Amino acid sequence: MTSLSAIAFKRMFRALLKREFESEEHAVRHFRRVLDHAPLPSNLPLGVSARKINFAGVPCERLAPRNPRLTILHLHGGAFIGGKLRTYHPFCGALARRLQAQVILPDYRLAPEHPFPAAPDDCLAVYRELIECGTDPADLIVTGDSAGGNLTLVTLQSARDEGLPMPRCAVLLSPGADLSGTAPSWAENDHSDVMLSQNVIRMMGNAYLQGHDPTDPKVSPLNGNFEGLPPLMICASDEECLRDDAYAVATRARAAGTEARLLTRPDMPHVWPILFPLVAEARADMKLITQFITDARFRTENRWCGRASI
């Protein structure tokens, strides 16, 4: 049975976000207004502090407990046009505390002012500098939600193509992996998704691409090569428009020999795990996410010279 807290958030999201827009400009203004002033607490857990830093010229926030032993690179969502780092403090702070990890949150450039490829360039630059400054790949995890899930896959595929080592694993929350608009769930779940619609996804995609080919693997990583990627955990709600993206990523990854674990739930909003600790299902799934990250050590520790330290 769906928790009362999840039902309440679904109703709130539908009231705040679900709209039909006349133009891309109207959609961008509305989503930024809501995302930038989200009525959600942004407290960090006890023992985790935040400070502003810079990686490869990209402004970032670092959330960390004392003496972190892992590094998590989290790429935030927001349809490529919005998203405030503070709204990720509860979720990323919980990862930091539970895994004794520093979490790096890049404030990558946003469309339409900075269209493709600004966002993936920034994310890859941060990943590259983390490796070059001595981060052990076995102690590095990449996570991302929604558009950040897209950027996570693009970053991993680009890093592999550059010859950079892969991280321990990656976690994708409701990733938008194909901007071409061919996934049946865009239309099938147009009403049931309380946050997104197929019209909104197309508008945000157009604002991000500004004429670039949506089938380019750097835009739609579902079309890219999944060989040699680290173990993936992919989460999606059965009622969201991006449901089929998650299933397709898992299928493509497994076909390429990459481990992929798929976590799906009914009656959940888009990227529900970031609602930790306010939603019961998010609290339960946080345990599954942290366990996946911990277990990935034993599946990948012989891949690199370094060893995980948890």
Protein backbone atom coordinates (compact mmCIF):
# COMPACT_ATOMS: atom_id res chain seq x y z
CA MET A 1 0.00 0.00 0.00
CA THR A 2 1.29 3.46 -0.91
CA SER A 3 2.25 5.52 2.13
CA LEU A 4 0.23 8.59 3.07
CA SER A 5 3.37 10.71 2.75
CA ALA A 6 3.88 9.57 -0.85
CA ILE A 7 0.25 10.31 -1.67
CA ALA A 8 0.59 13.78 -0.15
CA PHE A 9 3.70 14.56 -2.18
CA LYS A 10 2.09 13.32 -5.37
CA ARG A 11 -0.82 15.69 -4.84
CA MET A 12 1.53 18.56 -4.09
CA PHE A 13 3.66 17.92 -7.18
CA ARG A 14 0.61 17.72 -9.43
CA ALA A 15 -0.66 21.02 -8.03
CA LEU A 16 2.70 22.78 -8.32
CA LEU A 17 4.20 21.35 -11.52
CA LYS A 18 1.66 19.70 -13.80
CA ARG A 19 0.75 22.24 -16.48
CA GLU A 20 0.12 22.61 -20.18
CA PHE A 21 2.41 25.30 -21.52
CA GLU A 22 2.04 27.53 -24.54
CA SER A 23 5.78 27.91 -25.14
CA GLU A 24 9.21 26.70 -24.06
CA GLU A 25 9.84 30.07 -22.41
CA HIS A 26 6.70 29.70 -20.28
CA ALA A 27 7.64 26.15 -19.30
CA VAL A 28 11.19 27.14 -18.34
CA ARG A 29 10.00 30.07 -16.22
CA HIS A 30 7.41 27.93 -14.41
CA PHE A 31 9.74 25.01 -13.67
CA ARG A 32 12.51 27.29 -12.48
CA ARG A 33 10.13 29.16 -10.20
CA VAL A 34 8.95 25.91 -8.60
CA LEU A 35 12.31 24.11 -8.50
CA ASP A 36 14.20 27.14 -7.18
CA HIS A 37 11.70 27.70 -4.38
CA ALA A 38 10.66 24.14 -3.60
CA PRO A 39 8.80 24.03 -0.26
CA LEU A 40 10.93 21.19 1.06
CA PRO A 41 13.35 21.14 3.99
CA SER A 42 17.00 21.24 2.98
CA ASN A 43 18.67 20.36 6.26
CA LEU A 44 21.85 18.32 6.40
CA PRO A 45 22.03 15.34 8.76
CA LEU A 46 23.99 15.67 11.97
CA GLY A 47 27.73 15.39 11.38
CA VAL A 48 27.64 16.41 7.70
CA SER A 49 28.83 19.86 6.65
CA ALA A 50 28.62 21.75 3.36
CA ARG A 51 31.05 24.11 1.68
CA LYS A 52 31.50 25.60 -1.76
CA ILE A 53 34.42 24.38 -3.84
CA ASN A 54 35.53 24.38 -7.46
CA PHE A 55 36.48 21.50 -9.73
CA ALA A 56 37.83 22.12 -13.22
CA GLY A 57 36.30 25.59 -13.23
CA VAL A 58 32.86 24.28 -12.30
CA PRO A 59 31.34 25.61 -9.05
CA CYS A 60 30.35 22.75 -6.74
CA GLU A 61 29.18 22.01 -3.24
CA ARG A 62 30.93 19.44 -1.07
CA LEU A 63 28.88 17.63 1.55
CA ALA A 64 30.99 15.55 3.89
CA PRO A 65 31.35 14.03 7.33
CA ARG A 66 34.70 14.06 9.09
CA ASN A 67 37.30 11.84 7.43
CA PRO A 68 35.27 10.61 4.43
CA ARG A 69 36.41 7.35 2.86
CA LEU A 70 34.43 7.44 -0.39
CA THR A 71 33.60 10.05 -3.02
CA ILE A 72 30.16 10.36 -4.61
CA LEU A 73 29.67 12.59 -7.64
CA HIS A 74 25.95 13.47 -7.77
CA LEU A 75 24.57 15.10 -10.92
CA HIS A 76 21.32 16.84 -10.10
CA GLY A 77 18.10 16.82 -12.07
CA GLY A 78 15.92 19.70 -13.23
CA ALA A 79 15.21 18.96 -16.91
CA PHE A 80 18.55 20.57 -17.91
CA ILE A 81 17.06 24.02 -17.18
CA GLY A 82 16.85 24.22 -13.37
CA GLY A 83 17.63 22.67 -10.02
CA LYS A 84 19.08 24.09 -6.80
CA LEU A 85 21.82 22.16 -5.02
CA ARG A 86 20.32 22.80 -1.58
CA THR A 87 17.26 20.69 -2.45
CA TYR A 88 19.60 17.68 -2.59
CA HIS A 89 21.02 18.17 0.90
CA PRO A 90 18.72 15.62 2.64
CA PHE A 91 19.28 12.83 0.07
CA CYS A 92 22.97 13.46 -0.59
CA GLY A 93 23.61 14.23 3.07
CA ALA A 94 22.14 10.85 3.97
CA LEU A 95 24.45 9.16 1.46
CA ALA A 96 27.39 11.06 2.92
CA ARG A 97 26.57 10.02 6.47
CA ARG A 98 25.62 6.38 5.80
CA LEU A 99 28.59 5.69 3.52
CA GLN A 100 31.15 7.99 5.17
CA ALA A 101 31.50 9.74 1.82
CA GLN A 102 32.15 13.20 0.51
CA VAL A 103 29.45 14.10 -2.01
CA ILE A 104 30.38 16.50 -4.81
CA LEU A 105 27.43 18.39 -6.32
CA PRO A 106 28.40 20.25 -9.52
CA ASP A 107 26.41 23.40 -10.30
CA TYR A 108 26.71 22.72 -14.02
CA ARG A 109 25.57 25.24 -16.61
CA LEU A 110 21.88 25.22 -17.50
CA ALA A 111 19.92 25.66 -20.71
CA PRO A 112 18.59 27.58 -22.49
CA GLU A 113 21.30 30.13 -21.67
CA HIS A 114 23.91 27.37 -21.92
CA PRO A 115 22.57 24.68 -24.27
CA PHE A 116 24.12 21.30 -25.09
CA PRO A 117 26.98 20.46 -24.70
CA ALA A 118 27.60 22.79 -21.73
CA ALA A 119 26.11 20.49 -19.06
CA PRO A 120 27.83 17.24 -20.12
CA ASP A 121 31.11 19.12 -20.66
CA ASP A 122 30.97 20.43 -17.09
CA CYS A 123 30.10 17.04 -15.61
CA LEU A 124 32.88 15.25 -17.50
CA ALA A 125 35.36 17.94 -16.47
CA VAL A 126 34.53 17.40 -12.79
CA TYR A 127 34.81 13.60 -13.17
CA ARG A 128 38.13 13.95 -14.98
CA GLU A 129 39.57 16.21 -12.30
CA LEU A 130 38.44 13.88 -9.51
CA ILE A 131 40.41 11.10 -11.18
CA GLU A 132 43.41 13.29 -11.96
CA CYS A 133 43.62 14.61 -8.39
CA GLY A 134 44.05 11.05 -7.13
CA THR A 135 40.58 9.73 -6.31
CA ASP A 136 40.74 5.93 -6.36
CA PRO A 137 38.13 4.71 -8.88
CA ALA A 138 37.23 1.90 -6.47
CA ASP A 139 36.21 4.60 -3.98
CA LEU A 140 34.24 6.67 -6.48
CA ILE A 141 30.50 6.41 -7.17
CA VAL A 142 28.46 8.47 -9.66
CA THR A 143 24.77 9.13 -9.03
CA GLY A 144 22.18 11.25 -10.82
CA ASP A 145 18.46 11.88 -10.98
CA SER A 146 16.27 12.60 -14.00
CA ALA A 147 18.35 14.86 -16.30
CA GLY A 148 21.22 14.06 -13.95
CA GLY A 149 20.70 10.38 -14.72
CA ASN A 150 21.11 11.24 -18.39
CA LEU A 151 24.30 13.16 -17.57
CA THR A 152 25.57 10.27 -15.45
CA LEU A 153 25.37 7.86 -18.38
CA VAL A 154 26.84 10.40 -20.81
CA THR A 155 29.70 11.09 -18.37
CA LEU A 156 30.47 7.40 -17.92
CA GLN A 157 30.42 6.68 -21.66
CA SER A 158 32.57 9.73 -22.43
CA ALA A 159 35.04 8.96 -19.63
CA ARG A 160 35.42 5.39 -20.86
CA ASP A 161 35.99 6.62 -24.41
CA GLU A 162 38.74 8.93 -23.08
CA GLY A 163 40.42 5.98 -21.39
CA LEU A 164 39.58 7.19 -17.90
CA PRO A 165 38.94 4.46 -15.31
CA MET A 166 35.37 3.63 -14.37
CA PRO A 167 33.99 4.24 -10.88
CA ARG A 168 32.90 1.52 -8.49
CA CYS A 169 29.26 1.81 -9.62
CA ALA A 170 26.55 4.26 -10.62
CA VAL A 171 22.98 4.90 -9.44
CA LEU A 172 20.40 6.39 -11.81
CA LEU A 173 17.12 7.73 -10.41
CA SER A 174 14.42 7.98 -13.09
CA PRO A 175 16.97 8.72 -15.83
CA GLY A 176 15.95 10.47 -19.03
CA ALA A 177 18.06 8.36 -21.34
CA ASP A 178 16.42 8.98 -24.72
CA LEU A 179 15.31 12.44 -25.82
CA SER A 180 14.07 11.28 -29.22
CA GLY A 181 10.53 10.75 -27.91
CA THR A 182 10.06 7.15 -29.04
CA ALA A 183 9.42 5.57 -25.61
CA PRO A 184 5.77 4.42 -25.30
CA SER A 185 5.59 5.49 -21.64
CA TRP A 186 5.86 9.15 -22.65
CA ALA A 187 2.28 8.89 -23.93
CA GLU A 188 1.00 6.00 -21.81
CA ASN A 189 1.89 7.74 -18.53
CA ASP A 190 1.19 11.29 -19.65
CA HIS A 191 -1.67 11.60 -17.15
CA SER A 192 -0.43 9.38 -14.33
CA ASP A 193 2.94 11.18 -14.02
CA VAL A 194 2.31 13.91 -11.44
CA MET A 195 5.32 16.01 -12.45
CA LEU A 196 6.10 15.58 -16.14
CA SER A 197 4.20 15.18 -19.39
CA GLN A 198 5.32 14.27 -22.87
CA ASN A 199 4.79 17.89 -23.92
CA VAL A 200 6.97 19.21 -21.09
CA ILE A 201 9.73 16.67 -21.78
CA ARG A 202 9.81 17.72 -25.43
CA MET A 203 9.85 21.42 -24.56
CA MET A 204 12.68 21.01 -22.06
CA GLY A 205 14.56 18.85 -24.54
CA ASN A 206 14.20 21.53 -27.21
CA ALA A 207 15.42 24.21 -24.81
CA TYR A 208 18.46 22.04 -24.04
CA LEU A 209 19.26 20.92 -27.59
CA GLN A 210 18.37 24.05 -29.58
CA GLY A 211 18.39 22.15 -32.84
CA HIS A 212 20.98 19.48 -32.02
CA ASP A 213 20.16 15.92 -33.09
CA PRO A 214 18.26 14.22 -30.21
CA THR A 215 19.52 10.79 -31.28
CA ASP A 216 23.17 11.76 -30.64
CA PRO A 217 24.47 9.39 -27.92
CA LYS A 218 25.90 12.42 -26.11
CA VAL A 219 22.27 13.56 -25.78
CA SER A 220 20.47 10.22 -25.63
CA PRO A 221 22.93 7.83 -23.98
CA LEU A 222 20.55 4.93 -24.57
CA ASN A 223 21.98 5.04 -28.12
CA GLY A 224 25.53 4.84 -26.79
CA ASN A 225 27.84 1.94 -26.02
CA PHE A 226 27.28 0.26 -22.64
CA GLU A 227 30.31 -2.02 -22.78
CA GLY A 228 32.79 -1.56 -19.98
CA LEU A 229 30.52 0.52 -17.78
CA PRO A 230 30.42 -0.11 -14.02
CA PRO A 231 27.51 -1.86 -12.28
CA LEU A 232 24.34 0.21 -12.56
CA MET A 233 21.33 0.56 -10.29
CA ILE A 234 18.36 2.09 -12.09
CA CYS A 235 15.23 3.28 -10.28
CA ALA A 236 11.89 4.25 -11.83
CA SER A 237 8.22 4.55 -10.98
CA ASP A 238 5.79 2.49 -13.02
CA GLU A 239 3.55 5.54 -13.47
CA GLU A 240 6.10 8.08 -14.71
CA CYS A 241 6.74 9.16 -18.28
CA LEU A 242 10.40 8.08 -18.09
CA ARG A 243 9.56 4.52 -17.01
CA ASP A 244 10.59 2.97 -20.31
CA ASP A 245 13.91 4.81 -20.32
CA ALA A 246 14.86 2.96 -17.14
CA TYR A 247 13.82 -0.44 -18.49
CA ALA A 248 15.64 0.21 -21.77
CA VAL A 249 18.86 1.21 -19.99
CA ALA A 250 18.79 -1.99 -17.96
CA THR A 251 18.19 -4.06 -21.12
CA ARG A 252 20.96 -2.37 -23.11
CA ALA A 253 23.42 -2.60 -20.24
CA ARG A 254 22.80 -6.31 -19.65
CA ALA A 255 23.11 -7.04 -23.37
CA ALA A 256 26.55 -5.38 -23.29
CA GLY A 257 27.66 -7.46 -20.31
CA THR A 258 27.22 -4.65 -17.76
CA GLU A 259 25.53 -5.50 -14.49
CA ALA A 260 22.23 -3.64 -14.11
CA ARG A 261 19.84 -3.79 -11.18
CA LEU A 262 16.37 -2.36 -11.78
CA LEU A 263 14.32 -1.05 -8.85
CA THR A 264 10.75 -0.11 -9.73
CA ARG A 265 7.76 0.88 -7.62
CA PRO A 266 4.10 1.58 -8.38
CA ASP A 267 2.38 4.80 -7.33
CA MET A 268 5.55 6.79 -6.77
CA PRO A 269 6.41 10.25 -8.08
CA HIS A 270 9.34 10.87 -10.40
CA VAL A 271 12.71 10.54 -8.55
CA TRP A 272 11.01 9.60 -5.27
CA PRO A 273 14.25 8.54 -3.47
CA ILE A 274 15.33 12.18 -3.20
CA LEU A 275 12.34 12.70 -0.87
CA PHE A 276 14.32 10.97 1.88
CA PRO A 277 13.53 11.06 4.76
CA LEU A 278 10.01 12.45 4.27
CA VAL A 279 8.54 9.49 2.35
CA ALA A 280 8.47 5.96 3.77
CA GLU A 281 9.30 4.32 0.43
CA ALA A 282 12.27 6.66 0.00
CA ARG A 283 13.58 5.63 3.42
CA ALA A 284 13.26 1.95 2.49
CA ASP A 285 14.92 2.43 -0.88
CA MET A 286 17.77 4.47 0.58
CA LYS A 287 18.79 1.25 2.34
CA LEU A 288 18.74 -0.61 -1.00
CA ILE A 289 20.80 2.11 -2.70
CA THR A 290 23.46 2.22 0.02
CA GLN A 291 23.60 -1.58 0.10
CA PHE A 292 24.10 -1.68 -3.68
CA ILE A 293 26.99 0.80 -3.39
CA THR A 294 28.57 -1.16 -0.54
CA ASP A 295 28.17 -4.51 -2.29
CA ALA A 296 29.67 -3.13 -5.50
CA ARG A 297 33.01 -3.00 -3.72
CA PHE A 298 33.22 -6.78 -3.72
CA ARG A 299 32.18 -7.06 -7.35
CA THR A 300 34.72 -4.54 -8.64
CA GLU A 301 37.61 -4.39 -6.18
CA ASN A 302 39.85 -6.54 -8.38
CA ARG A 303 39.24 -4.38 -11.44
CA TRP A 304 41.61 -1.62 -10.34
CA CYS A 305 44.89 -1.47 -8.49
CA GLY A 306 43.32 0.41 -5.57
CA ARG A 307 40.89 -1.12 -3.10
CA ALA A 308 37.78 0.31 -1.55
CA SER A 309 38.25 1.47 2.00
CA ILE A 310 34.89 0.85 3.65
